[in-house]
């Protein structure tokens, strides 16, 4: 099963059902985003259970692009974690940033997935969280290829951009969820700022309740 990275704030929004969309620049779009204005989306295909986007540039060159996550696919959320306590050769408990625990992981399962068995109580990168230790899973409902600035107000809200009239606490000068989204996007994606209007994959998903 594939994993997906989110910030702690986004994970909280997903769990609270405030975030049901995400927009991402993936490796498959890298060449297109070297000159995004030179490409247009020609058509979309569903082939052998995979959604494929065909792009054409000004010279007539065709490029077929496949998103990392496909409709109907279940994906686990990767988040920072640490060993909370352990009893050698019995069980392991791990803790997440929100203070919640995942309890009684069998020691054998832990050892099979972690080379550094003696390192504990240190925060570890979300990239190294394995599926069997994950707390949250989402199902991909839809995926589109679009320019980033095509995002509408309702999409920005669904993407987790909070806005409360005069600002959301960190965005006092914004006047819409879309503006809030643009600010958050720029803070995470300095190579592809909102102003550059890159091509992205826009995913719609739902949280699997456990």
N, C-alpha and C. Protein backbone atom coordinates (compact mmCIF):
# COMPACT_ATOMS: atom_id res chain seq x y z
N UNK A 1 0.84 -1.19 0.00
CA UNK A 1 0.00 0.00 0.00
C UNK A 1 0.88 1.25 0.00
N UNK A 2 0.48 2.26 -0.78
CA UNK A 2 1.24 3.50 -0.84
C UNK A 2 0.93 4.37 0.37
N UNK A 3 1.91 5.21 0.74
CA UNK A 3 1.71 6.16 1.80
C UNK A 3 1.66 7.57 1.23
N UNK A 4 1.14 8.50 2.04
CA UNK A 4 1.06 9.90 1.63
C UNK A 4 1.43 10.78 2.82
N UNK A 5 2.22 11.81 2.58
CA UNK A 5 2.69 12.69 3.64
C UNK A 5 1.77 13.89 3.81
N UNK A 6 1.51 14.23 5.07
CA UNK A 6 0.76 15.43 5.41
C UNK A 6 1.40 16.08 6.63
N UNK A 7 1.24 17.39 6.74
CA UNK A 7 1.67 18.10 7.94
C UNK A 7 0.72 17.74 9.08
N UNK A 8 1.15 17.93 10.34
CA UNK A 8 0.25 17.67 11.47
C UNK A 8 -1.06 18.46 11.38
N UNK A 9 -0.98 19.70 10.89
CA UNK A 9 -2.19 20.52 10.76
C UNK A 9 -3.16 19.90 9.76
N UNK A 10 -2.62 19.39 8.66
CA UNK A 10 -3.48 18.77 7.66
C UNK A 10 -4.06 17.45 8.15
N UNK A 11 -3.28 16.69 8.89
CA UNK A 11 -3.80 15.44 9.45
C UNK A 11 -4.97 15.73 10.38
N UNK A 12 -4.82 16.75 11.20
CA UNK A 12 -5.91 17.15 12.10
C UNK A 12 -7.15 17.52 11.32
N UNK A 13 -6.96 18.27 10.22
CA UNK A 13 -8.10 18.68 9.39
C UNK A 13 -8.77 17.47 8.73
N UNK A 14 -7.98 16.49 8.33
CA UNK A 14 -8.53 15.27 7.72
C UNK A 14 -9.36 14.50 8.74
N UNK A 15 -8.81 14.33 9.94
CA UNK A 15 -9.50 13.58 10.98
C UNK A 15 -10.80 14.28 11.38
N UNK A 16 -10.79 15.62 11.36
CA UNK A 16 -11.99 16.39 11.69
C UNK A 16 -12.92 16.56 10.49
N UNK A 17 -12.58 15.90 9.38
CA UNK A 17 -13.39 15.92 8.16
C UNK A 17 -13.51 17.30 7.54
N UNK A 18 -12.52 18.16 7.81
CA UNK A 18 -12.48 19.49 7.20
C UNK A 18 -11.66 19.50 5.93
N UNK A 19 -10.91 18.45 5.68
CA UNK A 19 -10.05 18.38 4.49
C UNK A 19 -10.40 17.12 3.71
N UNK A 20 -10.88 17.30 2.49
CA UNK A 20 -11.24 16.18 1.63
C UNK A 20 -10.61 16.29 0.24
N UNK A 21 -9.74 17.27 0.06
CA UNK A 21 -9.01 17.42 -1.19
C UNK A 21 -7.54 17.70 -0.90
N UNK A 22 -6.70 17.40 -1.88
CA UNK A 22 -5.29 17.77 -1.79
C UNK A 22 -4.76 17.98 -3.20
N UNK A 23 -3.86 18.95 -3.34
CA UNK A 23 -3.25 19.25 -4.64
C UNK A 23 -1.76 19.03 -4.53
N UNK A 24 -1.21 18.31 -5.52
CA UNK A 24 0.18 17.90 -5.43
C UNK A 24 0.89 17.99 -6.77
N UNK A 25 2.16 18.37 -6.70
CA UNK A 25 3.04 18.31 -7.86
C UNK A 25 3.88 17.05 -7.72
N UNK A 26 3.71 16.15 -8.64
CA UNK A 26 4.41 14.87 -8.58
C UNK A 26 5.48 14.80 -9.67
N UNK A 27 6.33 13.80 -9.54
CA UNK A 27 7.45 13.67 -10.47
C UNK A 27 6.98 13.59 -11.92
N UNK A 28 5.82 12.99 -12.14
CA UNK A 28 5.32 12.83 -13.50
C UNK A 28 5.02 14.18 -14.17
N UNK A 29 4.82 15.22 -13.36
CA UNK A 29 4.51 16.55 -13.90
C UNK A 29 5.73 17.46 -13.99
N UNK A 30 6.88 16.97 -13.59
CA UNK A 30 8.06 17.82 -13.48
C UNK A 30 8.45 18.44 -14.83
N UNK A 31 8.50 17.63 -15.87
CA UNK A 31 8.88 18.15 -17.20
C UNK A 31 7.87 19.17 -17.70
N UNK A 32 6.59 18.88 -17.51
CA UNK A 32 5.55 19.80 -17.96
C UNK A 32 5.65 21.13 -17.23
N UNK A 33 6.00 21.09 -15.95
CA UNK A 33 6.06 22.31 -15.16
C UNK A 33 7.35 23.11 -15.36
N UNK A 34 8.24 22.62 -16.22
CA UNK A 34 9.37 23.44 -16.61
C UNK A 34 8.90 24.62 -17.46
N UNK A 35 7.80 24.41 -18.18
CA UNK A 35 7.18 25.49 -18.97
C UNK A 35 5.68 25.21 -19.02
N UNK A 36 4.98 25.42 -17.91
CA UNK A 36 3.57 25.01 -17.83
C UNK A 36 2.66 25.68 -18.84
N UNK A 37 3.00 26.89 -19.27
CA UNK A 37 2.14 27.59 -20.24
C UNK A 37 2.22 26.98 -21.64
N UNK A 38 3.25 26.16 -21.87
CA UNK A 38 3.42 25.56 -23.19
C UNK A 38 2.60 24.29 -23.37
N UNK A 39 1.97 23.83 -22.30
CA UNK A 39 1.24 22.56 -22.36
C UNK A 39 -0.25 22.78 -22.11
N UNK A 40 -1.05 21.95 -22.74
CA UNK A 40 -2.48 21.93 -22.48
C UNK A 40 -2.91 20.47 -22.29
N UNK A 41 -3.95 20.30 -21.49
CA UNK A 41 -4.49 18.95 -21.28
C UNK A 41 -5.37 18.59 -22.48
N UNK A 42 -4.99 17.55 -23.19
CA UNK A 42 -5.70 17.15 -24.40
C UNK A 42 -6.90 16.26 -24.08
N UNK A 43 -6.69 15.21 -23.31
CA UNK A 43 -7.80 14.34 -22.92
C UNK A 43 -7.41 13.49 -21.72
N UNK A 44 -8.42 12.85 -21.15
CA UNK A 44 -8.22 11.99 -19.99
C UNK A 44 -8.74 10.60 -20.31
N UNK A 45 -7.96 9.59 -19.97
CA UNK A 45 -8.34 8.20 -20.25
C UNK A 45 -8.38 7.41 -18.96
N UNK A 46 -9.29 6.44 -18.91
CA UNK A 46 -9.28 5.44 -17.85
C UNK A 46 -8.94 4.12 -18.51
N UNK A 47 -7.71 3.66 -18.30
CA UNK A 47 -7.19 2.50 -19.00
C UNK A 47 -6.69 1.47 -18.00
N UNK A 48 -7.27 0.28 -18.04
CA UNK A 48 -6.87 -0.81 -17.14
C UNK A 48 -6.87 -0.38 -15.68
N UNK A 49 -7.92 0.36 -15.30
CA UNK A 49 -8.05 0.78 -13.92
C UNK A 49 -7.19 1.96 -13.53
N UNK A 50 -6.51 2.58 -14.48
CA UNK A 50 -5.66 3.73 -14.21
C UNK A 50 -6.14 4.95 -14.97
N UNK A 51 -6.11 6.09 -14.30
CA UNK A 51 -6.46 7.35 -14.96
C UNK A 51 -5.19 7.95 -15.55
N UNK A 52 -5.25 8.27 -16.82
CA UNK A 52 -4.09 8.77 -17.55
C UNK A 52 -4.47 10.10 -18.19
N UNK A 53 -3.55 11.06 -18.09
CA UNK A 53 -3.78 12.39 -18.65
C UNK A 53 -2.81 12.61 -19.81
N UNK A 54 -3.36 12.96 -20.95
CA UNK A 54 -2.55 13.23 -22.13
C UNK A 54 -2.38 14.73 -22.32
N UNK A 55 -1.13 15.18 -22.33
CA UNK A 55 -0.80 16.59 -22.52
C UNK A 55 -0.18 16.77 -23.90
N UNK A 56 -0.44 17.92 -24.50
CA UNK A 56 0.14 18.27 -25.80
C UNK A 56 0.77 19.65 -25.67
N UNK A 57 2.00 19.80 -26.20
CA UNK A 57 2.62 21.13 -26.14
C UNK A 57 2.45 21.86 -27.47
N UNK A 58 3.04 23.03 -27.55
CA UNK A 58 2.86 23.89 -28.73
C UNK A 58 3.44 23.28 -29.99
N UNK A 59 4.40 22.37 -29.83
CA UNK A 59 5.01 21.71 -30.99
C UNK A 59 4.27 20.44 -31.38
N UNK A 60 3.19 20.13 -30.68
CA UNK A 60 2.44 18.92 -31.00
C UNK A 60 2.96 17.68 -30.31
N UNK A 61 3.94 17.84 -29.42
CA UNK A 61 4.48 16.69 -28.70
C UNK A 61 3.46 16.19 -27.68
N UNK A 62 3.25 14.88 -27.66
CA UNK A 62 2.30 14.26 -26.73
C UNK A 62 3.06 13.67 -25.54
N UNK A 63 2.56 13.94 -24.35
CA UNK A 63 3.16 13.37 -23.15
C UNK A 63 2.05 12.77 -22.30
N UNK A 64 2.20 11.49 -21.97
CA UNK A 64 1.21 10.77 -21.17
C UNK A 64 1.66 10.77 -19.72
N UNK A 65 0.77 11.21 -18.84
CA UNK A 65 1.10 11.38 -17.42
C UNK A 65 0.13 10.58 -16.57
N UNK A 66 0.68 9.86 -15.60
CA UNK A 66 -0.13 9.02 -14.72
C UNK A 66 0.08 9.49 -13.27
N UNK A 67 -0.98 9.81 -12.54
CA UNK A 67 -0.82 10.25 -11.14
C UNK A 67 -0.36 9.11 -10.24
N UNK A 68 0.23 9.47 -9.13
CA UNK A 68 0.73 8.46 -8.20
C UNK A 68 -0.40 7.65 -7.57
N UNK A 69 -1.50 8.33 -7.27
CA UNK A 69 -2.62 7.67 -6.60
C UNK A 69 -3.81 7.58 -7.55
N UNK A 70 -4.47 6.43 -7.55
CA UNK A 70 -5.54 6.18 -8.50
C UNK A 70 -6.90 6.11 -7.80
N UNK A 71 -7.96 6.36 -8.56
CA UNK A 71 -9.31 6.31 -8.02
C UNK A 71 -9.60 4.92 -7.46
N UNK A 72 -10.14 4.88 -6.25
CA UNK A 72 -10.45 3.62 -5.60
C UNK A 72 -9.33 3.06 -4.75
N UNK A 73 -8.16 3.68 -4.82
CA UNK A 73 -7.00 3.19 -4.08
C UNK A 73 -7.05 3.65 -2.62
N UNK A 74 -6.70 2.74 -1.71
CA UNK A 74 -6.57 3.08 -0.29
C UNK A 74 -5.12 3.43 -0.01
N UNK A 75 -4.91 4.55 0.70
CA UNK A 75 -3.58 5.08 0.97
C UNK A 75 -3.47 5.35 2.46
N UNK A 76 -2.33 5.01 3.05
CA UNK A 76 -2.16 5.30 4.47
C UNK A 76 -1.41 6.61 4.68
N UNK A 77 -1.74 7.30 5.76
CA UNK A 77 -1.15 8.60 6.04
C UNK A 77 0.13 8.43 6.86
N UNK A 78 1.20 9.03 6.36
CA UNK A 78 2.48 8.99 7.06
C UNK A 78 2.59 10.20 7.99
N UNK A 79 3.01 9.97 9.22
CA UNK A 79 3.16 11.06 10.18
C UNK A 79 4.34 10.77 11.10
N UNK A 80 4.85 11.82 11.73
CA UNK A 80 5.98 11.69 12.65
C UNK A 80 5.59 10.81 13.83
N UNK A 81 6.56 10.06 14.36
CA UNK A 81 6.27 9.11 15.42
C UNK A 81 7.52 8.85 16.25
N UNK A 82 7.33 8.25 17.40
CA UNK A 82 8.45 7.87 18.27
C UNK A 82 8.00 6.68 19.11
N UNK A 83 8.98 5.93 19.60
CA UNK A 83 8.67 4.84 20.53
C UNK A 83 8.36 5.46 21.88
N UNK A 84 7.21 5.15 22.44
CA UNK A 84 6.84 5.70 23.73
C UNK A 84 7.47 4.90 24.87
N UNK A 85 7.39 3.59 24.80
CA UNK A 85 8.02 2.71 25.78
C UNK A 85 8.07 1.33 25.17
N UNK A 86 8.87 0.48 25.70
CA UNK A 86 8.89 -0.87 25.15
C UNK A 86 9.36 -1.86 26.21
N UNK A 87 8.85 -3.06 26.07
CA UNK A 87 9.27 -4.17 26.90
C UNK A 87 9.98 -5.15 25.99
N UNK A 88 11.28 -5.31 26.13
CA UNK A 88 12.05 -6.13 25.18
C UNK A 88 11.41 -7.49 24.93
N UNK A 89 11.30 -7.79 23.65
CA UNK A 89 10.82 -9.08 23.17
C UNK A 89 9.34 -9.32 23.48
N UNK A 90 8.61 -8.25 23.86
CA UNK A 90 7.18 -8.42 24.10
C UNK A 90 6.38 -7.49 23.18
N UNK A 91 6.21 -6.22 23.59
CA UNK A 91 5.43 -5.30 22.77
C UNK A 91 6.11 -3.95 22.70
N UNK A 92 5.69 -3.16 21.72
CA UNK A 92 6.18 -1.80 21.54
C UNK A 92 4.97 -0.87 21.47
N UNK A 93 5.05 0.29 22.10
CA UNK A 93 4.04 1.33 21.96
C UNK A 93 4.69 2.50 21.24
N UNK A 94 3.99 3.10 20.29
CA UNK A 94 4.53 4.28 19.63
C UNK A 94 3.58 5.45 19.86
N UNK A 95 4.14 6.65 19.87
CA UNK A 95 3.39 7.86 20.14
C UNK A 95 3.48 8.79 18.94
N UNK A 96 2.41 9.56 18.71
CA UNK A 96 2.36 10.50 17.61
C UNK A 96 2.36 11.93 18.15
N UNK A 97 2.44 12.90 17.27
CA UNK A 97 2.60 14.29 17.67
C UNK A 97 1.44 14.81 18.51
N UNK A 98 0.26 14.26 18.31
CA UNK A 98 -0.88 14.72 19.08
C UNK A 98 -0.97 14.06 20.45
N UNK A 99 0.05 13.26 20.79
CA UNK A 99 0.11 12.64 22.10
C UNK A 99 -0.60 11.30 22.19
N UNK A 100 -1.25 10.89 21.12
CA UNK A 100 -1.98 9.63 21.16
C UNK A 100 -1.04 8.46 20.87
N UNK A 101 -1.40 7.31 21.41
CA UNK A 101 -0.56 6.12 21.31
C UNK A 101 -1.18 5.08 20.39
N UNK A 102 -0.31 4.30 19.77
CA UNK A 102 -0.73 3.06 19.12
C UNK A 102 -0.10 1.96 19.96
N UNK A 103 -0.91 1.17 20.60
CA UNK A 103 -0.44 0.31 21.68
C UNK A 103 -0.22 -1.14 21.25
N UNK A 104 0.65 -1.78 22.02
CA UNK A 104 0.82 -3.23 21.97
C UNK A 104 1.13 -3.76 20.58
N UNK A 105 2.10 -3.12 19.92
CA UNK A 105 2.59 -3.64 18.64
C UNK A 105 3.51 -4.80 18.95
N UNK A 106 3.27 -5.98 18.38
CA UNK A 106 4.14 -7.13 18.68
C UNK A 106 5.60 -6.82 18.37
N UNK A 107 6.48 -7.23 19.28
CA UNK A 107 7.91 -6.96 19.14
C UNK A 107 8.47 -7.52 17.84
N UNK A 108 8.04 -8.72 17.46
CA UNK A 108 8.55 -9.33 16.22
C UNK A 108 8.18 -8.49 15.00
N UNK A 109 6.95 -7.96 15.01
CA UNK A 109 6.52 -7.11 13.90
C UNK A 109 7.33 -5.83 13.86
N UNK A 110 7.62 -5.26 15.03
CA UNK A 110 8.42 -4.05 15.10
C UNK A 110 9.83 -4.30 14.57
N UNK A 111 10.46 -5.36 15.01
CA UNK A 111 11.85 -5.65 14.61
C UNK A 111 11.95 -5.91 13.11
N UNK A 112 10.91 -6.50 12.54
CA UNK A 112 10.97 -6.81 11.11
C UNK A 112 10.91 -5.56 10.26
N UNK A 113 10.45 -4.42 10.83
CA UNK A 113 10.26 -3.20 10.06
C UNK A 113 11.24 -2.10 10.44
N UNK A 114 12.04 -2.29 11.49
CA UNK A 114 12.89 -1.22 11.98
C UNK A 114 14.29 -1.74 12.28
N UNK A 115 15.26 -1.17 11.60
CA UNK A 115 16.64 -1.59 11.81
C UNK A 115 17.21 -1.05 13.12
N UNK A 116 16.79 0.17 13.50
CA UNK A 116 17.35 0.80 14.69
C UNK A 116 16.45 0.50 15.89
N UNK A 117 16.51 -0.71 16.38
CA UNK A 117 15.61 -1.17 17.43
C UNK A 117 15.92 -0.54 18.78
N UNK A 118 17.16 -0.06 18.95
CA UNK A 118 17.54 0.45 20.27
C UNK A 118 17.34 1.96 20.38
N UNK A 119 16.94 2.61 19.27
CA UNK A 119 16.72 4.06 19.30
C UNK A 119 15.26 4.33 19.61
N UNK A 120 15.00 4.98 20.74
CA UNK A 120 13.63 5.22 21.12
C UNK A 120 13.49 6.57 21.79
N UNK A 121 12.24 7.04 21.88
CA UNK A 121 11.92 8.35 22.43
C UNK A 121 12.53 9.48 21.60
N UNK A 122 12.84 9.22 20.34
CA UNK A 122 13.29 10.25 19.41
C UNK A 122 12.28 10.35 18.28
N UNK A 123 11.91 11.57 17.90
CA UNK A 123 10.96 11.73 16.82
C UNK A 123 11.60 11.29 15.51
N UNK A 124 10.85 10.55 14.74
CA UNK A 124 11.35 10.01 13.48
C UNK A 124 10.53 10.56 12.32
N UNK A 125 11.16 10.60 11.18
CA UNK A 125 10.54 11.17 9.99
C UNK A 125 9.29 10.40 9.60
N UNK A 126 8.24 11.11 9.16
CA UNK A 126 7.05 10.42 8.66
C UNK A 126 7.35 9.47 7.51
N UNK A 127 8.40 9.76 6.78
CA UNK A 127 8.74 8.93 5.61
C UNK A 127 8.99 7.48 5.99
N UNK A 128 9.37 7.24 7.24
CA UNK A 128 9.73 5.89 7.64
C UNK A 128 8.63 5.16 8.40
N UNK A 129 7.43 5.74 8.45
CA UNK A 129 6.31 5.06 9.09
C UNK A 129 5.78 4.00 8.13
N UNK A 130 5.69 2.76 8.60
CA UNK A 130 5.21 1.67 7.78
C UNK A 130 3.69 1.57 7.86
N UNK A 131 3.13 0.98 6.84
CA UNK A 131 1.67 0.83 6.75
C UNK A 131 1.09 0.17 7.99
N UNK A 132 1.71 -0.89 8.50
CA UNK A 132 1.13 -1.63 9.60
C UNK A 132 1.08 -0.84 10.91
N UNK A 133 1.84 0.28 10.98
CA UNK A 133 1.84 1.10 12.18
C UNK A 133 1.02 2.38 12.01
N UNK A 134 0.40 2.56 10.83
CA UNK A 134 -0.34 3.79 10.55
C UNK A 134 -1.67 3.81 11.31
N UNK A 135 -2.12 5.03 11.61
CA UNK A 135 -3.41 5.21 12.29
C UNK A 135 -4.54 5.52 11.32
N UNK A 136 -4.21 6.25 10.24
CA UNK A 136 -5.26 6.78 9.38
C UNK A 136 -5.07 6.34 7.94
N UNK A 137 -6.20 6.08 7.28
CA UNK A 137 -6.21 5.65 5.89
C UNK A 137 -7.26 6.46 5.13
N UNK A 138 -6.97 6.78 3.88
CA UNK A 138 -7.92 7.49 3.03
C UNK A 138 -8.15 6.69 1.74
N UNK A 139 -9.29 6.93 1.12
CA UNK A 139 -9.61 6.31 -0.16
C UNK A 139 -9.72 7.42 -1.21
N UNK A 140 -9.05 7.25 -2.32
CA UNK A 140 -9.08 8.24 -3.40
C UNK A 140 -10.41 8.11 -4.16
N UNK A 141 -11.17 9.20 -4.20
CA UNK A 141 -12.46 9.20 -4.88
C UNK A 141 -12.37 9.76 -6.29
N UNK A 142 -11.44 10.69 -6.52
CA UNK A 142 -11.32 11.30 -7.84
C UNK A 142 -9.94 11.94 -7.96
N UNK A 143 -9.46 12.08 -9.18
CA UNK A 143 -8.21 12.78 -9.43
C UNK A 143 -8.33 13.52 -10.76
N UNK A 144 -7.89 14.78 -10.75
CA UNK A 144 -7.91 15.61 -11.95
C UNK A 144 -6.54 16.24 -12.14
N UNK A 145 -6.21 16.55 -13.38
CA UNK A 145 -5.03 17.35 -13.69
C UNK A 145 -5.53 18.75 -14.02
N UNK A 146 -4.97 19.76 -13.35
CA UNK A 146 -5.44 21.13 -13.57
C UNK A 146 -4.33 22.12 -13.22
N UNK A 147 -4.50 23.36 -13.66
CA UNK A 147 -3.60 24.42 -13.25
C UNK A 147 -3.97 24.82 -11.82
N UNK A 148 -2.95 25.15 -11.05
CA UNK A 148 -3.17 25.42 -9.63
C UNK A 148 -4.17 26.55 -9.41
N UNK A 149 -4.10 27.60 -10.24
CA UNK A 149 -4.98 28.75 -10.05
C UNK A 149 -6.42 28.48 -10.45
N UNK A 150 -6.72 27.28 -10.93
CA UNK A 150 -8.10 26.91 -11.21
C UNK A 150 -8.88 26.61 -9.94
N UNK A 151 -8.19 26.52 -8.82
CA UNK A 151 -8.87 26.20 -7.56
C UNK A 151 -9.92 27.26 -7.24
N UNK A 152 -11.12 26.81 -6.89
CA UNK A 152 -12.21 27.70 -6.55
C UNK A 152 -12.30 27.83 -5.03
N UNK A 153 -13.14 28.76 -4.58
CA UNK A 153 -13.27 29.01 -3.15
C UNK A 153 -13.68 27.75 -2.38
N UNK A 154 -14.67 27.03 -2.92
CA UNK A 154 -15.13 25.82 -2.24
C UNK A 154 -14.06 24.73 -2.24
N UNK A 155 -13.24 24.71 -3.30
CA UNK A 155 -12.14 23.74 -3.36
C UNK A 155 -11.08 24.07 -2.32
N UNK A 156 -10.78 25.35 -2.17
CA UNK A 156 -9.79 25.77 -1.17
C UNK A 156 -10.24 25.38 0.23
N UNK A 157 -11.53 25.52 0.50
CA UNK A 157 -12.06 25.11 1.80
C UNK A 157 -11.94 23.59 1.96
N UNK A 158 -12.26 22.85 0.91
CA UNK A 158 -12.15 21.40 0.96
C UNK A 158 -10.70 20.95 1.06
N UNK A 159 -9.77 21.81 0.63
CA UNK A 159 -8.34 21.50 0.73
C UNK A 159 -7.81 21.84 2.12
N UNK A 160 -8.68 22.28 3.01
CA UNK A 160 -8.29 22.52 4.39
C UNK A 160 -7.87 23.94 4.69
N UNK A 161 -8.02 24.86 3.73
CA UNK A 161 -7.65 26.25 3.97
C UNK A 161 -8.70 26.90 4.85
N UNK A 162 -8.35 27.22 6.08
CA UNK A 162 -9.32 27.83 7.00
C UNK A 162 -9.29 29.35 6.84
N UNK A 163 -10.45 29.94 6.91
CA UNK A 163 -10.55 31.39 6.76
C UNK A 163 -11.73 31.87 7.58
N UNK A 164 -11.53 32.88 8.40
CA UNK A 164 -12.58 33.35 9.29
C UNK A 164 -12.78 34.86 9.17
N UNK A 165 -13.07 35.30 7.97
CA UNK A 165 -13.40 36.71 7.75
C UNK A 165 -12.19 37.61 7.69
N UNK A 166 -11.56 37.88 8.82
CA UNK A 166 -10.43 38.80 8.85
C UNK A 166 -9.10 38.08 8.84
N UNK A 167 -9.12 36.78 8.78
CA UNK A 167 -7.89 35.99 8.79
C UNK A 167 -8.05 34.81 9.72
N UNK A 168 -7.14 33.85 9.61
CA UNK A 168 -7.29 32.62 10.39
C UNK A 168 -6.28 32.53 11.52
N UNK A 169 -5.69 33.64 11.91
CA UNK A 169 -4.70 33.61 12.98
C UNK A 169 -3.30 33.85 12.45
N UNK A 170 -2.97 33.28 11.31
CA UNK A 170 -1.66 33.48 10.70
C UNK A 170 -1.78 34.21 9.37
N UNK A 171 -3.00 34.40 8.90
CA UNK A 171 -3.22 35.04 7.60
C UNK A 171 -4.20 36.21 7.78
N UNK A 172 -3.79 37.21 8.54
CA UNK A 172 -4.69 38.30 8.87
C UNK A 172 -5.07 39.14 7.66
N UNK A 173 -4.26 39.13 6.63
CA UNK A 173 -4.53 39.99 5.49
C UNK A 173 -5.27 39.29 4.37
N UNK A 174 -5.70 38.07 4.56
CA UNK A 174 -6.40 37.36 3.49
C UNK A 174 -7.88 37.67 3.55
N UNK A 175 -8.55 37.50 2.41
CA UNK A 175 -9.96 37.82 2.34
C UNK A 175 -10.78 36.66 1.78
N UNK A 176 -10.17 35.49 1.66
CA UNK A 176 -10.90 34.33 1.16
C UNK A 176 -10.10 33.07 1.49
N UNK A 177 -10.77 31.94 1.43
CA UNK A 177 -10.08 30.66 1.62
C UNK A 177 -9.08 30.43 0.50
N UNK A 178 -9.40 30.93 -0.69
CA UNK A 178 -8.49 30.77 -1.83
C UNK A 178 -7.17 31.51 -1.58
N UNK A 179 -7.24 32.72 -1.04
CA UNK A 179 -6.03 33.47 -0.71
C UNK A 179 -5.25 32.76 0.40
N UNK A 180 -5.97 32.23 1.38
CA UNK A 180 -5.32 31.49 2.45
C UNK A 180 -4.60 30.27 1.88
N UNK A 181 -5.25 29.57 0.96
CA UNK A 181 -4.63 28.41 0.31
C UNK A 181 -3.36 28.82 -0.41
N UNK A 182 -3.40 29.93 -1.15
CA UNK A 182 -2.23 30.40 -1.90
C UNK A 182 -1.06 30.66 -0.96
N UNK A 183 -1.32 31.28 0.19
CA UNK A 183 -0.25 31.55 1.17
C UNK A 183 0.33 30.26 1.71
N UNK A 184 -0.53 29.31 2.05
CA UNK A 184 -0.06 28.04 2.58
C UNK A 184 0.72 27.27 1.52
N UNK A 185 0.23 27.31 0.28
CA UNK A 185 0.92 26.62 -0.81
C UNK A 185 2.34 27.17 -0.98
N UNK A 186 2.48 28.49 -0.98
CA UNK A 186 3.80 29.09 -1.18
C UNK A 186 4.76 28.75 -0.05
N UNK A 187 4.24 28.56 1.16
CA UNK A 187 5.11 28.23 2.29
C UNK A 187 5.64 26.80 2.20
N UNK A 188 4.92 25.94 1.46
CA UNK A 188 5.31 24.54 1.35
C UNK A 188 6.00 24.26 0.02
N UNK A 189 5.68 25.02 -1.02
CA UNK A 189 6.19 24.74 -2.38
C UNK A 189 6.91 25.95 -2.96
N UNK A 190 8.05 26.34 -2.40
CA UNK A 190 8.75 27.53 -2.89
C UNK A 190 9.22 27.43 -4.34
N UNK A 191 9.45 26.21 -4.83
CA UNK A 191 9.91 26.04 -6.21
C UNK A 191 8.78 26.24 -7.22
N UNK A 192 7.55 26.06 -6.76
CA UNK A 192 6.40 26.20 -7.66
C UNK A 192 5.37 27.11 -6.99
N UNK A 193 5.64 28.40 -6.86
CA UNK A 193 4.71 29.29 -6.17
C UNK A 193 3.36 29.38 -6.88
N UNK A 194 2.37 29.81 -6.13
CA UNK A 194 1.01 29.93 -6.66
C UNK A 194 0.99 30.82 -7.89
N UNK A 195 1.77 31.86 -7.87
CA UNK A 195 1.81 32.81 -8.99
C UNK A 195 2.27 32.17 -10.29
N UNK A 196 3.13 31.15 -10.20
CA UNK A 196 3.63 30.49 -11.41
C UNK A 196 2.59 29.57 -12.04
N UNK A 197 1.51 29.28 -11.31
CA UNK A 197 0.39 28.50 -11.83
C UNK A 197 0.82 27.16 -12.44
N UNK A 198 1.46 26.31 -11.67
CA UNK A 198 1.91 25.01 -12.21
C UNK A 198 0.74 24.05 -12.42
N UNK A 199 1.00 22.98 -13.14
CA UNK A 199 0.06 21.88 -13.26
C UNK A 199 0.16 21.03 -12.00
N UNK A 200 -0.99 20.60 -11.49
CA UNK A 200 -1.03 19.77 -10.29
C UNK A 200 -2.03 18.64 -10.50
N UNK A 201 -1.93 17.63 -9.66
CA UNK A 201 -2.98 16.63 -9.56
C UNK A 201 -3.86 17.03 -8.38
N UNK A 202 -5.15 17.16 -8.62
CA UNK A 202 -6.11 17.51 -7.57
C UNK A 202 -6.87 16.24 -7.18
N UNK A 203 -6.62 15.79 -5.96
CA UNK A 203 -7.25 14.56 -5.47
C UNK A 203 -8.43 14.90 -4.56
N UNK A 204 -9.50 14.14 -4.70
CA UNK A 204 -10.60 14.15 -3.74
C UNK A 204 -10.59 12.80 -3.03
N UNK A 205 -10.75 12.82 -1.72
CA UNK A 205 -10.65 11.57 -0.96
C UNK A 205 -11.61 11.59 0.22
N UNK A 206 -11.72 10.45 0.88
CA UNK A 206 -12.48 10.38 2.13
C UNK A 206 -11.66 9.58 3.14
N UNK A 207 -11.86 9.92 4.40
CA UNK A 207 -11.20 9.22 5.50
C UNK A 207 -11.92 7.92 5.78
N UNK A 208 -11.17 6.84 5.94
CA UNK A 208 -11.76 5.57 6.36
C UNK A 208 -11.92 5.62 7.87
N UNK A 209 -13.13 5.57 8.36
CA UNK A 209 -13.38 5.58 9.79
C UNK A 209 -13.04 4.22 10.37
N UNK A 210 -12.30 4.25 11.49
CA UNK A 210 -11.86 3.01 12.11
C UNK A 210 -12.46 2.87 13.49
